[in-house]
Amino acid sequence: MNTLTDPAWKRRGASLIWDANALATIISPKKVISLRQCFALRDHWPKDLPGSGGDALVVAGLEGCLDVLSREDAETWLEGDLRSLIFSFQEEYENQAALIFWLPSGKKRIRMNSSTESYHWLCSAPQSHEIIELGRCLWAGAEPDLARILDSTERNSDPDGPAWIGLHHPRSS
């Protein structure tokens, strides 16, 4: 399992975060945009981004989308629409900006299969017995490049413990 304590994730790549303190170091909550707004920007990305001194866009709403879709529909949507959005963002900013998805319950709902190091999203009721293959859908086999973001100020640096605040991928392909 890869870990990352360097704050470079706040300025490059694609990340999923759930720690409110980490969010506050990137952007004012008033400047977080909805997933719908992010999709609307796809054809005309702004020159200046609102987070990390102009280097990051923070998006809320992914969690809600995953919760209302069936597992099959969520996986199809992640593989197609959301990956396409991530690719568009990376292309526009030549991988010199961060696209960060805010998932408030991510710590409780993202799990890693330790034998394969693949990541899954635990579905909500009434589908709570199902998982979405998050890593396969978003990173299409590039999960080995995925890193757990660890809060370097946390005393307990266990990558499964309180220091784990998100996931980061340097470049989706």
Protein backbone atom coordinates (compact mmCIF):
# COMPACT_ATOMS: atom_id res chain seq x y z
CA MET A 1 0.00 0.00 0.00
CA ASN A 2 1.34 3.39 -1.03
CA THR A 3 1.07 6.32 1.35
CA LEU A 4 1.48 10.04 0.79
CA THR A 5 2.22 12.75 3.34
CA ASP A 6 3.45 15.34 0.84
CA PRO A 7 0.83 18.06 0.23
CA ALA A 8 1.32 17.78 -3.55
CA TRP A 9 -2.09 16.07 -3.75
CA LYS A 10 -3.62 19.49 -3.07
CA ARG A 11 -2.21 20.78 -6.37
CA ARG A 12 -2.05 17.79 -8.77
CA GLY A 13 -4.00 14.67 -9.72
CA ALA A 14 -7.36 13.39 -8.55
CA SER A 15 -8.23 12.76 -4.91
CA LEU A 16 -11.03 11.58 -2.70
CA ILE A 17 -10.93 13.19 0.76
CA TRP A 18 -13.12 13.03 3.84
CA ASP A 19 -11.26 14.99 6.50
CA ALA A 20 -12.86 18.38 7.23
CA ASN A 21 -9.57 19.87 8.47
CA ALA A 22 -7.83 18.87 5.25
CA LEU A 23 -10.68 20.39 3.25
CA ALA A 24 -10.31 23.67 5.16
CA THR A 25 -6.60 23.88 4.22
CA ILE A 26 -7.51 23.67 0.53
CA ILE A 27 -10.60 25.81 0.11
CA SER A 28 -13.29 27.81 1.84
CA PRO A 29 -16.40 25.61 2.09
CA LYS A 30 -18.34 28.34 0.24
CA LYS A 31 -16.18 27.73 -2.84
CA VAL A 32 -16.76 23.96 -3.03
CA ILE A 33 -18.85 23.23 -6.12
CA SER A 34 -21.48 20.58 -6.72
CA LEU A 35 -20.94 17.63 -8.99
CA ARG A 36 -23.59 19.08 -11.32
CA GLN A 37 -21.63 22.37 -11.51
CA CYS A 38 -18.44 20.46 -12.22
CA PHE A 39 -20.02 18.62 -15.15
CA ALA A 40 -21.30 21.97 -16.47
CA LEU A 41 -17.71 23.29 -16.45
CA ARG A 42 -16.40 20.40 -18.55
CA ASP A 43 -16.63 22.30 -21.84
CA HIS A 44 -15.21 25.56 -20.47
CA TRP A 45 -12.97 25.00 -17.46
CA PRO A 46 -12.11 28.22 -15.60
CA LYS A 47 -8.66 29.70 -15.94
CA ASP A 48 -8.38 30.26 -12.18
CA LEU A 49 -9.41 27.52 -9.77
CA PRO A 50 -10.78 28.41 -6.32
CA GLY A 51 -8.67 26.11 -4.11
CA SER A 52 -5.02 25.70 -3.14
CA GLY A 53 -4.01 29.11 -4.40
CA GLY A 54 -5.55 28.54 -7.83
CA ASP A 55 -4.45 24.92 -8.24
CA ALA A 56 -7.50 22.92 -7.08
CA LEU A 57 -11.18 22.39 -7.67
CA VAL A 58 -13.14 20.72 -4.87
CA VAL A 59 -16.37 18.95 -5.74
CA ALA A 60 -19.13 17.68 -3.45
CA GLY A 61 -21.94 15.32 -4.35
CA LEU A 62 -20.20 12.15 -5.52
CA GLU A 63 -21.30 10.31 -2.39
CA GLY A 64 -24.95 11.18 -3.01
CA CYS A 65 -24.76 9.98 -6.61
CA LEU A 66 -23.30 6.65 -5.56
CA ASP A 67 -26.03 6.27 -2.94
CA VAL A 68 -28.97 6.77 -5.31
CA LEU A 69 -27.71 4.55 -8.12
CA SER A 70 -27.81 0.77 -8.20
CA ARG A 71 -24.39 -0.86 -7.97
CA GLU A 72 -24.43 -1.68 -11.68
CA ASP A 73 -25.51 1.83 -12.71
CA ALA A 74 -22.96 3.42 -10.37
CA GLU A 75 -20.12 1.37 -11.82
CA THR A 76 -21.18 2.21 -15.38
CA TRP A 77 -21.46 5.91 -14.50
CA LEU A 78 -18.06 5.95 -12.74
CA GLU A 79 -16.31 4.18 -15.62
CA GLY A 80 -17.89 6.36 -18.27
CA ASP A 81 -19.06 9.78 -17.18
CA LEU A 82 -16.92 10.46 -14.12
CA ARG A 83 -13.69 9.12 -15.64
CA SER A 84 -14.39 11.23 -18.73
CA LEU A 85 -14.77 14.29 -16.49
CA ILE A 86 -11.47 13.53 -14.73
CA PHE A 87 -9.70 13.08 -18.09
CA SER A 88 -11.11 16.38 -19.36
CA PHE A 89 -9.90 18.18 -16.24
CA GLN A 90 -6.42 16.64 -16.46
CA GLU A 91 -6.14 17.50 -20.15
CA GLU A 92 -7.27 21.11 -19.64
CA TYR A 93 -4.76 21.77 -16.87
CA GLU A 94 -2.06 19.45 -18.24
CA ASN A 95 -2.08 17.62 -14.91
CA GLN A 96 -0.96 20.80 -13.16
CA ALA A 97 -4.09 21.10 -10.99
CA ALA A 98 -6.01 18.94 -8.52
CA LEU A 99 -9.55 17.67 -8.86
CA ILE A 100 -10.67 16.77 -5.35
CA PHE A 101 -13.90 14.98 -4.49
CA TRP A 102 -15.27 15.59 -1.00
CA LEU A 103 -16.74 12.38 0.49
CA PRO A 104 -17.76 13.10 4.10
CA SER A 105 -18.34 9.42 4.95
CA GLY A 106 -15.48 8.10 2.82
CA LYS A 107 -13.46 6.82 5.77
CA LYS A 108 -16.33 4.53 6.79
CA ARG A 109 -17.31 3.47 3.30
CA ILE A 110 -14.07 2.97 1.38
CA ARG A 111 -12.39 -0.36 1.98
CA MET A 112 -9.28 -1.95 0.56
CA ASN A 113 -8.97 -5.63 -0.19
CA SER A 114 -5.53 -6.22 1.35
CA SER A 115 -4.66 -9.18 -0.86
CA THR A 116 -5.29 -7.30 -4.12
CA GLU A 117 -4.94 -3.71 -2.85
CA SER A 118 -8.15 -2.88 -4.70
CA TYR A 119 -10.53 -0.27 -3.32
CA HIS A 120 -14.29 -0.63 -2.91
CA TRP A 121 -17.19 1.63 -1.94
CA LEU A 122 -19.68 0.16 0.51
CA CYS A 123 -23.19 0.79 -0.80
CA SER A 124 -25.89 2.27 1.40
CA ALA A 125 -29.20 0.69 2.36
CA PRO A 126 -31.07 -1.06 0.87
CA GLN A 127 -27.99 -2.26 -1.04
CA SER A 128 -25.65 -2.28 1.97
CA HIS A 129 -24.62 -5.86 1.22
CA GLU A 130 -23.07 -4.76 -2.11
CA ILE A 131 -19.84 -2.99 -3.05
CA ILE A 132 -18.85 -0.78 -5.95
CA GLU A 133 -15.43 -1.56 -7.40
CA LEU A 134 -14.24 2.00 -6.98
CA GLY A 135 -10.63 1.39 -7.94
CA ARG A 136 -11.43 -0.52 -11.12
CA CYS A 137 -14.05 1.97 -12.20
CA LEU A 138 -12.08 5.17 -11.55
CA TRP A 139 -8.50 4.06 -12.11
CA ALA A 140 -8.97 1.17 -14.54
CA GLY A 141 -6.14 -1.06 -13.45
CA ALA A 142 -3.85 1.75 -12.27
CA GLU A 143 -4.60 1.12 -8.60
CA PRO A 144 -0.91 0.41 -7.89
CA ASP A 145 -0.34 4.16 -8.41
CA LEU A 146 -3.03 5.05 -5.87
CA ALA A 147 -1.82 6.33 -2.49
CA ARG A 148 -3.47 6.81 0.85
CA ILE A 149 -3.22 10.43 1.90
CA LEU A 150 -1.96 10.63 5.47
CA ASP A 151 -2.15 13.69 7.67
CA SER A 152 1.47 14.37 8.58
CA THR A 153 0.41 16.20 11.76
CA GLU A 154 -1.42 13.19 13.16
CA ARG A 155 0.56 11.41 15.90
CA ASN A 156 -0.83 8.00 14.99
CA SER A 157 0.50 7.58 11.44
CA ASP A 158 -1.13 4.17 10.94
CA PRO A 159 -2.42 4.17 7.32
CA ASP A 160 -5.63 2.52 8.58
CA GLY A 161 -5.97 4.88 11.52
CA PRO A 162 -6.85 8.51 12.11
CA ALA A 163 -4.06 9.78 9.85
CA TRP A 164 -5.80 8.36 6.76
CA ILE A 165 -7.72 11.29 5.24
CA GLY A 166 -8.16 10.29 1.62
CA LEU A 167 -6.94 8.65 -1.57
CA HIS A 168 -4.84 10.24 -4.30
CA HIS A 169 -4.02 9.23 -7.86
CA PRO A 170 -1.36 11.30 -9.64
CA ARG A 171 -2.82 10.85 -13.13
CA SER A 172 -5.72 8.81 -14.45
CA SER A 173 -5.24 7.10 -17.78
